[in-house]
Amino acid sequence: MSKKITVNENLVISKIYLVRGQKVMLDEDLSEMYGLETRRLNEQVKRNIERFPQDFMFQLTDKKFENLKSQFATSSWGGRRKLPQEKLMLS
């Protein structure tokens, strides 16, 4: 039996970013919405990758990650330690 999750529409919309003309969400935002640890969400996607489109997920380069951090003013003492996995939004 699957568990139903209710998420505020405005919250979802605020977590969608436009990257290279594609609507994407960060893995940490998705995992927060589903109530999971980010690493668990990524593990499950990788274990079940055949259920997703080939271009469903990609990882930022170091340079793009630094640019993303600067856009969101991530503090040097907190935040992510690994590059985020991006999830393409299916239209």
C-alpha atoms as a PDB file:
ATOM      1  CA  MET A   1       0.000   0.000   0.000  1.00  0.00           C
ATOM      2  CA  SER A   2       1.416   3.397  -0.943  1.00  0.00           C
ATOM      3  CA  LYS A   3       1.380   6.335   1.431  1.00  0.00           C
ATOM      4  CA  LYS A   4      -0.370   9.502   0.200  1.00  0.00           C
ATOM      5  CA  ILE A   5       1.535  12.758   0.523  1.00  0.00           C
ATOM      6  CA  THR A   6      -0.063  16.185   0.344  1.00  0.00           C
ATOM      7  CA  VAL A   7       2.219  19.021  -0.694  1.00  0.00           C
ATOM      8  CA  ASN A   8       1.342  22.683  -1.054  1.00  0.00           C
ATOM      9  CA  GLU A   9       1.287  23.633  -4.755  1.00  0.00           C
ATOM     10  CA  ASN A  10       3.062  26.937  -4.101  1.00  0.00           C
ATOM     11  CA  LEU A  11       5.856  25.082  -2.308  1.00  0.00           C
ATOM     12  CA  VAL A  12       6.367  22.811  -5.320  1.00  0.00           C
ATOM     13  CA  ILE A  13       6.343  25.738  -7.749  1.00  0.00           C
ATOM     14  CA  SER A  14       8.908  27.611  -5.643  1.00  0.00           C
ATOM     15  CA  LYS A  15      11.280  24.623  -5.858  1.00  0.00           C
ATOM     16  CA  ILE A  16      11.284  24.401  -9.670  1.00  0.00           C
ATOM     17  CA  TYR A  17      14.298  26.007 -11.337  1.00  0.00           C
ATOM     18  CA  LEU A  18      14.986  26.659 -15.003  1.00  0.00           C
ATOM     19  CA  VAL A  19      18.367  25.172 -15.963  1.00  0.00           C
ATOM     20  CA  ARG A  20      19.454  25.226 -19.608  1.00  0.00           C
ATOM     21  CA  GLY A  21      15.837  25.619 -20.672  1.00  0.00           C
ATOM     22  CA  GLN A  22      14.671  22.624 -18.602  1.00  0.00           C
ATOM     23  CA  LYS A  23      12.471  22.711 -15.514  1.00  0.00           C
ATOM     24  CA  VAL A  24      14.339  20.916 -12.741  1.00  0.00           C
ATOM     25  CA  MET A  25      14.123  20.271  -9.010  1.00  0.00           C
ATOM     26  CA  LEU A  26      16.996  19.590  -6.656  1.00  0.00           C
ATOM     27  CA  ASP A  27      17.153  16.191  -5.018  1.00  0.00           C
ATOM     28  CA  GLU A  28      17.149  17.768  -1.556  1.00  0.00           C
ATOM     29  CA  ASP A  29      13.888  19.608  -2.307  1.00  0.00           C
ATOM     30  CA  LEU A  30      12.204  16.450  -3.573  1.00  0.00           C
ATOM     31  CA  SER A  31      13.406  14.400  -0.632  1.00  0.00           C
ATOM     32  CA  GLU A  32      12.097  17.037   1.779  1.00  0.00           C
ATOM     33  CA  MET A  33       8.674  16.903   0.119  1.00  0.00           C
ATOM     34  CA  TYR A  34       8.611  13.107   0.389  1.00  0.00           C
ATOM     35  CA  GLY A  35       9.959  13.098   3.940  1.00  0.00           C
ATOM     36  CA  LEU A  36      13.123  11.192   3.026  1.00  0.00           C
ATOM     37  CA  GLU A  37      16.831  11.717   3.460  1.00  0.00           C
ATOM     38  CA  THR A  38      18.342  12.978   0.205  1.00  0.00           C
ATOM     39  CA  ARG A  39      20.702  10.018  -0.009  1.00  0.00           C
ATOM     40  CA  ARG A  40      17.768   7.595   0.348  1.00  0.00           C
ATOM     41  CA  LEU A  41      15.859   9.278  -2.481  1.00  0.00           C
ATOM     42  CA  ASN A  42      18.916   9.086  -4.749  1.00  0.00           C
ATOM     43  CA  GLU A  43      19.500   5.433  -3.809  1.00  0.00           C
ATOM     44  CA  GLN A  44      15.910   4.535  -4.690  1.00  0.00           C
ATOM     45  CA  VAL A  45      16.044   6.364  -8.026  1.00  0.00           C
ATOM     46  CA  LYS A  46      19.302   4.579  -8.918  1.00  0.00           C
ATOM     47  CA  ARG A  47      17.889   1.187  -7.869  1.00  0.00           C
ATOM     48  CA  ASN A  48      14.782   1.738  -9.992  1.00  0.00           C
ATOM     49  CA  ILE A  49      16.297   3.760 -12.824  1.00  0.00           C
ATOM     50  CA  GLU A  50      14.452   1.692 -15.453  1.00  0.00           C
ATOM     51  CA  ARG A  51      11.199   3.299 -14.262  1.00  0.00           C
ATOM     52  CA  PHE A  52      12.406   6.778 -15.245  1.00  0.00           C
ATOM     53  CA  PRO A  53      13.179   8.458 -18.572  1.00  0.00           C
ATOM     54  CA  GLN A  54      16.852   8.237 -19.567  1.00  0.00           C
ATOM     55  CA  ASP A  55      17.401  11.955 -18.952  1.00  0.00           C
ATOM     56  CA  PHE A  56      15.487  12.074 -15.641  1.00  0.00           C
ATOM     57  CA  MET A  57      18.537  12.781 -13.497  1.00  0.00           C
ATOM     58  CA  PHE A  58      21.876  14.477 -13.951  1.00  0.00           C
ATOM     59  CA  GLN A  59      24.610  15.728 -11.660  1.00  0.00           C
ATOM     60  CA  LEU A  60      26.016  19.228 -11.704  1.00  0.00           C
ATOM     61  CA  THR A  61      29.682  19.817 -12.445  1.00  0.00           C
ATOM     62  CA  ASP A  62      31.819  21.388  -9.716  1.00  0.00           C
ATOM     63  CA  LYS A  63      31.774  24.724 -11.549  1.00  0.00           C
ATOM     64  CA  LYS A  64      27.983  24.737 -11.951  1.00  0.00           C
ATOM     65  CA  PHE A  65      27.561  23.713  -8.314  1.00  0.00           C
ATOM     66  CA  GLU A  66      29.717  26.661  -7.196  1.00  0.00           C
ATOM     67  CA  ASN A  67      27.587  28.956  -9.365  1.00  0.00           C
ATOM     68  CA  LEU A  68      24.390  27.537  -7.860  1.00  0.00           C
ATOM     69  CA  LYS A  69      25.720  28.011  -4.326  1.00  0.00           C
ATOM     70  CA  SER A  70      26.619  31.617  -5.052  1.00  0.00           C
ATOM     71  CA  GLN A  71      23.116  32.268  -6.429  1.00  0.00           C
ATOM     72  CA  PHE A  72      21.530  31.015  -3.212  1.00  0.00           C
ATOM     73  CA  ALA A  73      24.175  32.469  -0.868  1.00  0.00           C
ATOM     74  CA  THR A  74      24.932  29.144   0.773  1.00  0.00           C
ATOM     75  CA  SER A  75      27.005  29.690   3.892  1.00  0.00           C
ATOM     76  CA  SER A  76      30.498  28.244   4.022  1.00  0.00           C
ATOM     77  CA  TRP A  77      29.743  26.360   7.252  1.00  0.00           C
ATOM     78  CA  GLY A  78      26.478  24.715   6.237  1.00  0.00           C
ATOM     79  CA  GLY A  79      24.672  23.260   3.269  1.00  0.00           C
ATOM     80  CA  ARG A  80      25.547  20.422   0.968  1.00  0.00           C
ATOM     81  CA  ARG A  81      28.732  18.416   0.951  1.00  0.00           C
ATOM     82  CA  LYS A  82      28.049  16.578  -2.344  1.00  0.00           C
ATOM     83  CA  LEU A  83      26.947  17.759  -5.764  1.00  0.00           C
ATOM     84  CA  PRO A  84      23.146  17.728  -6.064  1.00  0.00           C
ATOM     85  CA  GLN A  85      21.315  15.389  -8.378  1.00  0.00           C
ATOM     86  CA  GLU A  86      18.941  17.303 -10.606  1.00  0.00           C
ATOM     87  CA  LYS A  87      15.582  15.803 -11.502  1.00  0.00           C
ATOM     88  CA  LEU A  88      13.939  16.879 -14.735  1.00  0.00           C
ATOM     89  CA  MET A  89      10.304  17.854 -14.423  1.00  0.00           C
ATOM     90  CA  LEU A  90       8.122  15.862 -16.766  1.00  0.00           C
ATOM     91  CA  SER A  91       5.788  18.173 -18.654  1.00  0.00           C
END
